[in-house]
C-alpha atoms as a PDB file:
ATOM      1  CA  MET A   1      12.420 -10.427   4.286  1.00  0.00           C
ATOM      2  CA  THR A   2      13.836 -10.098   0.922  1.00  0.00           C
ATOM      3  CA  ALA A   3      11.074  -9.768  -1.716  1.00  0.00           C
ATOM      4  CA  GLY A   4      13.144  -8.940  -4.824  1.00  0.00           C
ATOM      5  CA  ARG A   5      12.556  -6.165  -7.460  1.00  0.00           C
ATOM      6  CA  TRP A   6       9.153  -4.663  -8.230  1.00  0.00           C
ATOM      7  CA  GLN A   7       8.889  -3.836 -11.769  1.00  0.00           C
ATOM      8  CA  LEU A   8       6.958  -0.610 -12.527  1.00  0.00           C
ATOM      9  CA  ALA A   9       5.764   1.520 -15.454  1.00  0.00           C
ATOM     10  CA  HIS A  10       8.131   3.818 -17.492  1.00  0.00           C
ATOM     11  CA  GLY A  11      11.176   1.506 -17.136  1.00  0.00           C
ATOM     12  CA  ARG A  12      11.373   2.197 -13.421  1.00  0.00           C
ATOM     13  CA  HIS A  13      11.555  -0.406 -10.592  1.00  0.00           C
ATOM     14  CA  LEU A  14      11.842  -0.586  -6.827  1.00  0.00           C
ATOM     15  CA  ASP A  15      13.985  -3.052  -4.856  1.00  0.00           C
ATOM     16  CA  LEU A  16      12.016  -4.419  -1.864  1.00  0.00           C
ATOM     17  CA  ASP A  17      14.863  -5.721   0.356  1.00  0.00           C
ATOM     18  CA  SER A  18      16.229  -4.796   3.670  1.00  0.00           C
ATOM     19  CA  LYS A  19      14.631  -1.400   3.977  1.00  0.00           C
ATOM     20  CA  ALA A  20      11.013  -0.735   4.353  1.00  0.00           C
ATOM     21  CA  VAL A  21       9.317   1.450   1.822  1.00  0.00           C
ATOM     22  CA  VAL A  22       6.948   4.331   2.939  1.00  0.00           C
ATOM     23  CA  VAL A  23       4.183   5.288   0.594  1.00  0.00           C
ATOM     24  CA  GLY A  24       2.801   8.658   1.314  1.00  0.00           C
ATOM     25  CA  ILE A  25      -0.949   9.181   1.036  1.00  0.00           C
ATOM     26  CA  LEU A  26      -2.115  12.202  -0.971  1.00  0.00           C
ATOM     27  CA  ASN A  27      -5.792  12.455  -1.014  1.00  0.00           C
ATOM     28  CA  VAL A  28      -6.951  15.251  -3.553  1.00  0.00           C
ATOM     29  CA  THR A  29     -10.393  15.021  -2.320  1.00  0.00           C
ATOM     30  CA  PRO A  30     -12.863  17.149  -0.214  1.00  0.00           C
ATOM     31  CA  ASP A  31     -14.269  14.211   1.922  1.00  0.00           C
ATOM     32  CA  SER A  32     -11.563  11.753   2.862  1.00  0.00           C
ATOM     33  CA  PHE A  33     -11.942  10.331   6.398  1.00  0.00           C
ATOM     34  CA  SER A  34      -8.925  12.167   8.123  1.00  0.00           C
ATOM     35  CA  ASP A  35      -7.604  14.885   5.638  1.00  0.00           C
ATOM     36  CA  GLY A  36     -10.509  15.788   3.236  1.00  0.00           C
ATOM     37  CA  GLY A  37     -10.368  19.179   1.795  1.00  0.00           C
ATOM     38  CA  LEU A  38      -6.752  19.849   2.897  1.00  0.00           C
ATOM     39  CA  PHE A  39      -5.082  19.095  -0.313  1.00  0.00           C
ATOM     40  CA  ASP A  40      -7.654  19.137  -3.137  1.00  0.00           C
ATOM     41  CA  ALA A  41      -5.932  22.399  -4.501  1.00  0.00           C
ATOM     42  CA  PRO A  42      -3.307  21.424  -6.819  1.00  0.00           C
ATOM     43  CA  GLU A  43      -0.767  23.855  -5.379  1.00  0.00           C
ATOM     44  CA  ALA A  44      -1.559  22.424  -1.853  1.00  0.00           C
ATOM     45  CA  ALA A  45      -1.331  18.824  -3.057  1.00  0.00           C
ATOM     46  CA  LEU A  46       2.174  19.412  -4.555  1.00  0.00           C
ATOM     47  CA  ALA A  47       3.452  21.144  -1.472  1.00  0.00           C
ATOM     48  CA  ARG A  48       2.290  18.151   0.645  1.00  0.00           C
ATOM     49  CA  ALA A  49       3.869  15.747  -1.757  1.00  0.00           C
ATOM     50  CA  ARG A  50       7.201  17.541  -1.620  1.00  0.00           C
ATOM     51  CA  ARG A  51       7.043  17.503   2.331  1.00  0.00           C
ATOM     52  CA  MET A  52       6.486  13.741   2.353  1.00  0.00           C
ATOM     53  CA  VAL A  53       9.341  13.158  -0.099  1.00  0.00           C
ATOM     54  CA  ASP A  54      11.565  15.385   2.148  1.00  0.00           C
ATOM     55  CA  GLU A  55      10.474  13.136   5.061  1.00  0.00           C
ATOM     56  CA  GLY A  56      11.462   9.870   3.411  1.00  0.00           C
ATOM     57  CA  ALA A  57       8.388   8.809   1.180  1.00  0.00           C
ATOM     58  CA  ARG A  58       9.684   6.671  -1.708  1.00  0.00           C
ATOM     59  CA  ILE A  59       6.130   6.652  -3.374  1.00  0.00           C
ATOM     60  CA  ILE A  60       3.243   9.260  -3.489  1.00  0.00           C
ATOM     61  CA  ASP A  61      -0.235   7.534  -3.734  1.00  0.00           C
ATOM     62  CA  VAL A  62      -2.570   9.997  -5.263  1.00  0.00           C
ATOM     63  CA  GLY A  63      -6.345   9.424  -4.873  1.00  0.00           C
ATOM     64  CA  GLY A  64      -9.165  11.470  -6.160  1.00  0.00           C
ATOM     65  CA  GLU A  65     -12.124   9.472  -4.685  1.00  0.00           C
ATOM     66  CA  SER A  66     -12.759   8.932  -1.072  1.00  0.00           C
ATOM     67  CA  THR A  67     -13.047   5.264  -0.064  1.00  0.00           C
ATOM     68  CA  ARG A  68     -14.373   5.887   3.570  1.00  0.00           C
ATOM     69  CA  PRO A  69     -17.621   4.087   4.303  1.00  0.00           C
ATOM     70  CA  GLY A  70     -20.614   6.085   3.049  1.00  0.00           C
ATOM     71  CA  ALA A  71     -18.695   8.429   0.871  1.00  0.00           C
ATOM     72  CA  ALA A  72     -20.493   9.876  -2.035  1.00  0.00           C
ATOM     73  CA  ALA A  73     -19.611   8.387  -5.421  1.00  0.00           C
ATOM     74  CA  ILE A  74     -18.117  10.553  -8.027  1.00  0.00           C
ATOM     75  CA  SER A  75     -17.878  10.256 -11.792  1.00  0.00           C
ATOM     76  CA  ALA A  76     -14.758   9.118 -13.657  1.00  0.00           C
ATOM     77  CA  SER A  77     -14.305  12.541 -15.200  1.00  0.00           C
ATOM     78  CA  GLU A  78     -14.359  14.278 -11.729  1.00  0.00           C
ATOM     79  CA  GLU A  79     -11.776  11.822 -10.356  1.00  0.00           C
ATOM     80  CA  GLN A  80      -9.635  12.374 -13.325  1.00  0.00           C
ATOM     81  CA  ALA A  81      -9.868  16.063 -13.116  1.00  0.00           C
ATOM     82  CA  ARG A  82      -8.639  15.818  -9.440  1.00  0.00           C
ATOM     83  CA  VAL A  83      -5.546  13.422  -9.870  1.00  0.00           C
ATOM     84  CA  LEU A  84      -4.270  13.980 -13.419  1.00  0.00           C
ATOM     85  CA  PRO A  85      -2.987  17.529 -13.038  1.00  0.00           C
ATOM     86  CA  VAL A  86      -1.199  16.565  -9.714  1.00  0.00           C
ATOM     87  CA  ILE A  87       0.413  13.389 -11.329  1.00  0.00           C
ATOM     88  CA  GLU A  88       1.456  15.446 -14.283  1.00  0.00           C
ATOM     89  CA  ALA A  89       3.092  17.968 -11.940  1.00  0.00           C
ATOM     90  CA  LEU A  90       4.798  15.410  -9.848  1.00  0.00           C
ATOM     91  CA  ALA A  91       6.031  13.388 -12.964  1.00  0.00           C
ATOM     92  CA  ARG A  92       7.630  16.546 -14.230  1.00  0.00           C
ATOM     93  CA  SER A  93       9.714  16.850 -11.114  1.00  0.00           C
ATOM     94  CA  GLY A  94      10.850  13.238 -11.403  1.00  0.00           C
ATOM     95  CA  GLU A  95      11.826  13.185  -7.783  1.00  0.00           C
ATOM     96  CA  VAL A  96       9.442  10.439  -6.589  1.00  0.00           C
ATOM     97  CA  LEU A  97       7.577   7.193  -7.783  1.00  0.00           C
ATOM     98  CA  ILE A  98       3.818   7.885  -8.307  1.00  0.00           C
ATOM     99  CA  SER A  99       1.007   5.670  -7.614  1.00  0.00           C
ATOM    100  CA  VAL A 100      -2.713   6.277  -8.502  1.00  0.00           C
ATOM    101  CA  ASP A 101      -5.381   5.145  -6.183  1.00  0.00           C
ATOM    102  CA  THR A 102      -8.319   4.124  -8.389  1.00  0.00           C
ATOM    103  CA  TYR A 103     -10.494   1.099  -9.467  1.00  0.00           C
ATOM    104  CA  ARG A 104     -11.412   2.767 -12.743  1.00  0.00           C
ATOM    105  CA  ALA A 105      -9.404   1.180 -15.775  1.00  0.00           C
ATOM    106  CA  GLU A 106      -9.759   4.481 -17.643  1.00  0.00           C
ATOM    107  CA  THR A 107      -8.504   6.545 -14.875  1.00  0.00           C
ATOM    108  CA  ALA A 108      -5.574   4.059 -14.415  1.00  0.00           C
ATOM    109  CA  ARG A 109      -4.783   4.239 -18.220  1.00  0.00           C
ATOM    110  CA  LEU A 110      -4.755   8.092 -18.154  1.00  0.00           C
ATOM    111  CA  ALA A 111      -2.753   8.354 -14.895  1.00  0.00           C
ATOM    112  CA  VAL A 112       0.042   6.023 -16.243  1.00  0.00           C
ATOM    113  CA  ALA A 113       0.049   8.071 -19.359  1.00  0.00           C
ATOM    114  CA  ALA A 114       0.439  11.178 -17.106  1.00  0.00           C
ATOM    115  CA  GLY A 115       3.434   9.765 -15.444  1.00  0.00           C
ATOM    116  CA  ALA A 116       2.085   7.243 -12.713  1.00  0.00           C
ATOM    117  CA  HIS A 117       4.319   4.134 -12.210  1.00  0.00           C
ATOM    118  CA  VAL A 118       1.809   2.194 -10.047  1.00  0.00           C
ATOM    119  CA  VAL A 119      -1.872   1.358 -10.181  1.00  0.00           C
ATOM    120  CA  ASN A 120      -3.503   0.816  -6.516  1.00  0.00           C
ATOM    121  CA  ASP A 121      -6.885  -0.701  -6.783  1.00  0.00           C
ATOM    122  CA  VAL A 122      -8.785  -1.064  -3.501  1.00  0.00           C
ATOM    123  CA  TRP A 123     -11.362  -3.243  -5.143  1.00  0.00           C
ATOM    124  CA  GLY A 124      -8.770  -5.930  -6.047  1.00  0.00           C
ATOM    125  CA  LEU A 125      -9.561  -5.858  -9.830  1.00  0.00           C
ATOM    126  CA  GLN A 126     -12.905  -7.024  -9.009  1.00  0.00           C
ATOM    127  CA  ARG A 127     -14.888  -3.812  -9.618  1.00  0.00           C
ATOM    128  CA  GLU A 128     -13.515  -3.064 -13.144  1.00  0.00           C
ATOM    129  CA  PRO A 129     -11.414  -6.167 -14.223  1.00  0.00           C
ATOM    130  CA  ASP A 130     -10.211  -4.148 -17.238  1.00  0.00           C
ATOM    131  CA  ILE A 131      -7.849  -2.291 -14.866  1.00  0.00           C
ATOM    132  CA  ALA A 132      -5.643  -5.418 -14.913  1.00  0.00           C
ATOM    133  CA  ARG A 133      -5.407  -5.168 -18.783  1.00  0.00           C
ATOM    134  CA  VAL A 134      -4.332  -1.492 -18.518  1.00  0.00           C
ATOM    135  CA  ALA A 135      -1.688  -2.507 -15.919  1.00  0.00           C
ATOM    136  CA  ALA A 136      -0.341  -5.262 -18.237  1.00  0.00           C
ATOM    137  CA  GLU A 137      -0.287  -2.955 -21.366  1.00  0.00           C
ATOM    138  CA  THR A 138       1.248  -0.120 -19.640  1.00  0.00           C
ATOM    139  CA  GLY A 139       3.794  -2.175 -17.587  1.00  0.00           C
ATOM    140  CA  ALA A 140       2.588  -0.441 -14.303  1.00  0.00           C
ATOM    141  CA  GLY A 141       3.131  -1.883 -10.917  1.00  0.00           C
ATOM    142  CA  LEU A 142      -0.018  -3.238  -9.573  1.00  0.00           C
ATOM    143  CA  ILE A 143      -1.314  -3.115  -5.966  1.00  0.00           C
ATOM    144  CA  ILE A 144      -4.164  -5.489  -5.449  1.00  0.00           C
ATOM    145  CA  MET A 145      -5.985  -4.904  -2.201  1.00  0.00           C
ATOM    146  CA  HIS A 146      -8.369  -7.209  -0.366  1.00  0.00           C
ATOM    147  CA  THR A 147     -12.009  -5.742   0.481  1.00  0.00           C
ATOM    148  CA  GLY A 148     -14.936  -7.255   2.202  1.00  0.00           C
ATOM    149  CA  ARG A 149     -17.337  -4.619   0.891  1.00  0.00           C
ATOM    150  CA  ASP A 150     -20.511  -5.721  -1.021  1.00  0.00           C
ATOM    151  CA  ARG A 151     -20.055  -9.385  -0.500  1.00  0.00           C
ATOM    152  CA  GLU A 152     -20.291 -12.053   2.345  1.00  0.00           C
ATOM    153  CA  LYS A 153     -17.156 -12.741   3.958  1.00  0.00           C
ATOM    154  CA  LEU A 154     -15.730 -16.146   5.376  1.00  0.00           C
ATOM    155  CA  PRO A 155     -15.709 -16.267   9.136  1.00  0.00           C
ATOM    156  CA  ASP A 156     -11.959 -16.871   9.136  1.00  0.00           C
ATOM    157  CA  VAL A 157      -9.966 -13.700   8.538  1.00  0.00           C
ATOM    158  CA  ILE A 158      -7.129 -15.328   6.622  1.00  0.00           C
ATOM    159  CA  ALA A 159      -9.284 -17.802   4.749  1.00  0.00           C
ATOM    160  CA  ASP A 160     -11.254 -14.850   3.300  1.00  0.00           C
ATOM    161  CA  GLN A 161      -8.056 -13.121   2.384  1.00  0.00           C
ATOM    162  CA  PHE A 162      -6.931 -16.107   0.320  1.00  0.00           C
ATOM    163  CA  ALA A 163     -10.239 -16.624  -1.292  1.00  0.00           C
ATOM    164  CA  PHE A 164     -10.577 -12.947  -2.318  1.00  0.00           C
ATOM    165  CA  LEU A 165      -6.819 -12.555  -3.416  1.00  0.00           C
ATOM    166  CA  GLU A 166      -6.503 -15.739  -5.349  1.00  0.00           C
ATOM    167  CA  LYS A 167      -9.646 -14.662  -7.453  1.00  0.00           C
ATOM    168  CA  SER A 168      -7.951 -11.286  -8.063  1.00  0.00           C
ATOM    169  CA  LEU A 169      -4.643 -12.798  -8.891  1.00  0.00           C
ATOM    170  CA  GLU A 170      -6.386 -15.070 -11.619  1.00  0.00           C
ATOM    171  CA  ILE A 171      -7.878 -11.850 -13.089  1.00  0.00           C
ATOM    172  CA  ALA A 172      -4.360 -10.347 -13.147  1.00  0.00           C
ATOM    173  CA  ARG A 173      -2.822 -13.345 -14.790  1.00  0.00           C
ATOM    174  CA  ARG A 174      -5.725 -13.867 -17.257  1.00  0.00           C
ATOM    175  CA  ASN A 175      -4.941 -10.243 -18.443  1.00  0.00           C
ATOM    176  CA  GLY A 176      -1.275 -10.809 -18.802  1.00  0.00           C
ATOM    177  CA  VAL A 177       0.050  -9.000 -15.536  1.00  0.00           C
ATOM    178  CA  ALA A 178       3.545 -10.610 -14.670  1.00  0.00           C
ATOM    179  CA  ASP A 179       4.060 -11.669 -11.189  1.00  0.00           C
ATOM    180  CA  GLU A 180       6.893  -9.322 -10.678  1.00  0.00           C
ATOM    181  CA  ARG A 181       4.737  -6.280 -10.933  1.00  0.00           C
ATOM    182  CA  ILE A 182       2.243  -7.420  -8.275  1.00  0.00           C
ATOM    183  CA  VAL A 183       2.096  -6.265  -4.677  1.00  0.00           C
ATOM    184  CA  LEU A 184      -0.751  -7.502  -2.284  1.00  0.00           C
ATOM    185  CA  ASP A 185      -2.588  -5.340   0.363  1.00  0.00           C
ATOM    186  CA  PRO A 186      -4.728  -7.026   3.030  1.00  0.00           C
ATOM    187  CA  GLY A 187      -7.034  -4.087   3.205  1.00  0.00           C
ATOM    188  CA  PHE A 188      -7.052  -3.276   6.918  1.00  0.00           C
ATOM    189  CA  GLY A 189     -10.362  -1.427   7.710  1.00  0.00           C
ATOM    190  CA  PHE A 190     -12.080  -2.311   4.482  1.00  0.00           C
ATOM    191  CA  ALA A 191     -15.165  -4.134   5.775  1.00  0.00           C
ATOM    192  CA  LYS A 192     -13.107  -5.369   8.819  1.00  0.00           C
ATOM    193  CA  GLU A 193     -15.612  -3.882  11.047  1.00  0.00           C
ATOM    194  CA  THR A 194     -14.209  -4.546  14.557  1.00  0.00           C
ATOM    195  CA  ALA A 195     -10.944  -3.761  16.081  1.00  0.00           C
ATOM    196  CA  GLU A 196     -10.728  -7.423  16.902  1.00  0.00           C
ATOM    197  CA  GLU A 197     -10.797  -8.419  13.332  1.00  0.00           C
ATOM    198  CA  ASN A 198      -8.063  -6.053  12.264  1.00  0.00           C
ATOM    199  CA  LEU A 199      -5.951  -7.059  15.250  1.00  0.00           C
ATOM    200  CA  ASP A 200      -6.491 -10.625  14.301  1.00  0.00           C
ATOM    201  CA  LEU A 201      -5.285  -9.836  10.711  1.00  0.00           C
ATOM    202  CA  MET A 202      -2.284  -8.275  12.107  1.00  0.00           C
ATOM    203  CA  ALA A 203      -1.494 -11.121  14.517  1.00  0.00           C
ATOM    204  CA  ARG A 204      -1.721 -13.625  11.604  1.00  0.00           C
ATOM    205  CA  PHE A 205      -0.196 -11.342   8.936  1.00  0.00           C
ATOM    206  CA  ALA A 206       2.706 -13.663   8.190  1.00  0.00           C
ATOM    207  CA  GLU A 207       0.376 -16.393   6.939  1.00  0.00           C
ATOM    208  CA  LEU A 208      -0.173 -14.095   3.841  1.00  0.00           C
ATOM    209  CA  HIS A 209       3.355 -14.758   2.684  1.00  0.00           C
ATOM    210  CA  ALA A 210       2.077 -18.157   1.450  1.00  0.00           C
ATOM    211  CA  LEU A 211       0.516 -16.166  -1.416  1.00  0.00           C
ATOM    212  CA  GLY A 212       4.068 -15.537  -2.702  1.00  0.00           C
ATOM    213  CA  PHE A 213       3.937 -11.812  -3.254  1.00  0.00           C
ATOM    214  CA  PRO A 214       5.270  -8.683  -1.402  1.00  0.00           C
ATOM    215  CA  LEU A 215       2.925  -7.205   1.071  1.00  0.00           C
ATOM    216  CA  MET A 216       1.699  -3.665   1.703  1.00  0.00           C
ATOM    217  CA  ALA A 217       0.241  -2.519   4.955  1.00  0.00           C
ATOM    218  CA  GLY A 218      -2.320   0.378   5.062  1.00  0.00           C
ATOM    219  CA  THR A 219      -3.312   0.922   8.593  1.00  0.00           C
ATOM    220  CA  SER A 220      -2.868   4.677   8.844  1.00  0.00           C
ATOM    221  CA  ARG A 221      -5.206   6.337  11.112  1.00  0.00           C
ATOM    222  CA  LYS A 222      -7.755   3.625  10.768  1.00  0.00           C
ATOM    223  CA  ARG A 223     -10.698   3.231  13.133  1.00  0.00           C
ATOM    224  CA  PHE A 224      -9.370   0.202  14.956  1.00  0.00           C
ATOM    225  CA  ILE A 225      -6.281   2.310  16.056  1.00  0.00           C
ATOM    226  CA  GLY A 226      -8.754   4.789  17.390  1.00  0.00           C
ATOM    227  CA  THR A 227     -10.536   2.141  19.240  1.00  0.00           C
ATOM    228  CA  VAL A 228      -7.413   0.905  20.851  1.00  0.00           C
ATOM    229  CA  THR A 229      -5.909   4.330  21.695  1.00  0.00           C
ATOM    230  CA  GLY A 230      -9.032   6.534  22.163  1.00  0.00           C
ATOM    231  CA  ARG A 231      -7.554   9.032  19.731  1.00  0.00           C
ATOM    232  CA  ASP A 232      -9.392  10.877  16.796  1.00  0.00           C
ATOM    233  CA  ALA A 233      -8.129  10.194  13.179  1.00  0.00           C
ATOM    234  CA  ALA A 234      -5.908  13.144  13.121  1.00  0.00           C
ATOM    235  CA  ASP A 235      -4.039  11.977  16.336  1.00  0.00           C
ATOM    236  CA  ARG A 236      -3.341   8.368  15.384  1.00  0.00           C
ATOM    237  CA  ALA A 237       0.109   8.873  14.036  1.00  0.00           C
ATOM    238  CA  ALA A 238       1.802   7.086  16.920  1.00  0.00           C
ATOM    239  CA  GLY A 239      -0.687   4.331  16.978  1.00  0.00           C
ATOM    240  CA  THR A 240      -0.239   3.925  13.210  1.00  0.00           C
ATOM    241  CA  ALA A 241       3.705   3.721  13.614  1.00  0.00           C
ATOM    242  CA  ALA A 242       3.304   1.046  16.227  1.00  0.00           C
ATOM    243  CA  THR A 243       1.298  -1.098  13.666  1.00  0.00           C
ATOM    244  CA  SER A 244       3.920  -0.377  10.919  1.00  0.00           C
ATOM    245  CA  VAL A 245       6.623  -1.779  13.407  1.00  0.00           C
ATOM    246  CA  ILE A 246       4.495  -4.848  14.230  1.00  0.00           C
ATOM    247  CA  LEU A 247       3.715  -5.550  10.660  1.00  0.00           C
ATOM    248  CA  ARG A 248       7.335  -5.035   9.444  1.00  0.00           C
ATOM    249  CA  LEU A 249       8.399  -7.609  11.841  1.00  0.00           C
ATOM    250  CA  ARG A 250       5.723  -9.819  10.450  1.00  0.00           C
ATOM    251  CA  GLY A 251       7.100  -9.312   6.860  1.00  0.00           C
ATOM    252  CA  ALA A 252       5.341  -6.392   5.344  1.00  0.00           C
ATOM    253  CA  HIS A 253       7.386  -4.571   2.844  1.00  0.00           C
ATOM    254  CA  LEU A 254       5.591  -1.238   2.025  1.00  0.00           C
ATOM    255  CA  PHE A 255       3.626   0.967   4.326  1.00  0.00           C
ATOM    256  CA  ARG A 256       0.956   3.301   3.122  1.00  0.00           C
ATOM    257  CA  VAL A 257       0.612   6.352   5.731  1.00  0.00           C
ATOM    258  CA  HIS A 258      -0.422   9.918   6.134  1.00  0.00           C
ATOM    259  CA  ASP A 259       2.232  10.732   8.572  1.00  0.00           C
ATOM    260  CA  VAL A 260       5.335  10.064   6.926  1.00  0.00           C
ATOM    261  CA  ALA A 261       8.171  11.074   9.297  1.00  0.00           C
ATOM    262  CA  ILE A 262       7.140   9.242  12.299  1.00  0.00           C
ATOM    263  CA  ASN A 263       6.605   6.052  10.236  1.00  0.00           C
ATOM    264  CA  VAL A 264      10.000   6.457   8.496  1.00  0.00           C
ATOM    265  CA  ASP A 265      11.800   6.588  12.007  1.00  0.00           C
ATOM    266  CA  ALA A 266       9.833   3.719  13.484  1.00  0.00           C
ATOM    267  CA  LEU A 267      10.504   1.565  10.575  1.00  0.00           C
ATOM    268  CA  ALA A 268      14.200   2.408  10.521  1.00  0.00           C
ATOM    269  CA  VAL A 269      14.402   0.873  14.190  1.00  0.00           C
ATOM    270  CA  ALA A 270      12.544  -2.081  13.076  1.00  0.00           C
ATOM    271  CA  ASP A 271      14.801  -2.525  10.082  1.00  0.00           C
ATOM    272  CA  ALA A 272      17.869  -2.130  12.230  1.00  0.00           C
ATOM    273  CA  MET A 273      16.594  -4.783  14.575  1.00  0.00           C
ATOM    274  CA  LEU A 274      15.761  -7.117  11.766  1.00  0.00           C
ATOM    275  CA  ALA A 275      19.372  -6.605  10.392  1.00  0.00           C
ATOM    276  CA  ARG A 276      20.927  -7.477  13.772  1.00  0.00           C
ATOM    277  CA  GLU A 277      18.633 -10.709  13.870  1.00  0.00           C
ATOM    278  CA  THR A 278      19.828 -11.704  10.534  1.00  0.00           C
ATOM    279  CA  ALA A 279      23.487 -11.122  11.355  1.00  0.00           C
ATOM    280  CA  ALA A 280      23.120 -13.077  14.682  1.00  0.00           C
ATOM    281  CA  SER A 281      21.448 -16.081  12.814  1.00  0.00           C
ATOM    282  CA  ALA A 282      24.334 -16.043  10.326  1.00  0.00           C
ATOM    283  CA  ARG A 283      26.811 -16.030  13.073  1.00  0.00           C
ATOM    284  CA  LYS A 284      25.141 -18.966  14.678  1.00  0.00           C
ATOM    285  CA  SER A 285      24.955 -20.942  11.543  1.00  0.00           C
ATOM    286  CA  GLU A 286      28.606 -20.264  10.801  1.00  0.00           C
ATOM    287  CA  SER A 287      29.524 -21.460  14.269  1.00  0.00           C
ATOM    288  CA  ILE A 288      27.470 -24.684  13.989  1.00  0.00           C
ATOM    289  CA  PHE A 289      28.803 -25.608  10.582  1.00  0.00           C
ATOM    290  CA  GLY A 290      32.322 -24.552  11.674  1.00  0.00           C
ATOM    291  CA  LYS A 291      32.215 -27.011  14.535  1.00  0.00           C
ATOM    292  CA  HIS A 292      30.857 -29.785  12.186  1.00  0.00           C
ATOM    293  CA  ASP A 293      33.689 -28.997   9.741  1.00  0.00           C
ATOM    294  CA  ALA A 294      36.180 -29.518  12.450  1.00  0.00           C
END
């Protein structure tokens, strides 16, 4: 389960080891799918961020443009006007690591200058490849997400992950992004149109370790959880926590969620179980080798 040290901007790092890392979602948008308009005022956004930190979030991911299907596009300047004041205020507090959820190179550059430590690109560097150069030049951590939007996918869910993410990794390396700054996200819900496709991705999640990078899971409140549970988006916290546990047991390291407290608790149980399994395995190995030594 150990993934090592994730290097971030401003001389920071995060050890991805025996404890799952919860990333709190902070949408400063009027139209995100489950919390649009709730935190688009800076004061409300900061209060929400502080609550998520108190509940156990290690990173706050600030996004200024909705990524839900059919959302209206906004300009770069509008996105920046939404996210930069919040990032600056969070950075002044110094209490949490900050991620910016953007595919725009200039927004990423300004966000890191404002205090962000991580760039989270839902287009996997393939919308604006210059965002990889920005990450390399600023030393930011980089989350590269898989998406099936605006292209024809391969029929096998894992084959499509590898095809897309290997292209993204080539862009990252060509622009000088060091491997120790990269986390991959399989992009649950992003042009995975059916519950079955998302569940297949969960079931085969461990196959993604062959790519050789830490993995982030972003299932929070997604439509496939609603299909399984019958719950509306705002009532999918328990379903999300269940997916977090499943994916932790399959090797995910970071979990991007709206509902921090329930996922922190669920993942603490998963981590405790993994620790016991590791201890039991060590005892078994010690017993076997001890018998051989005798």
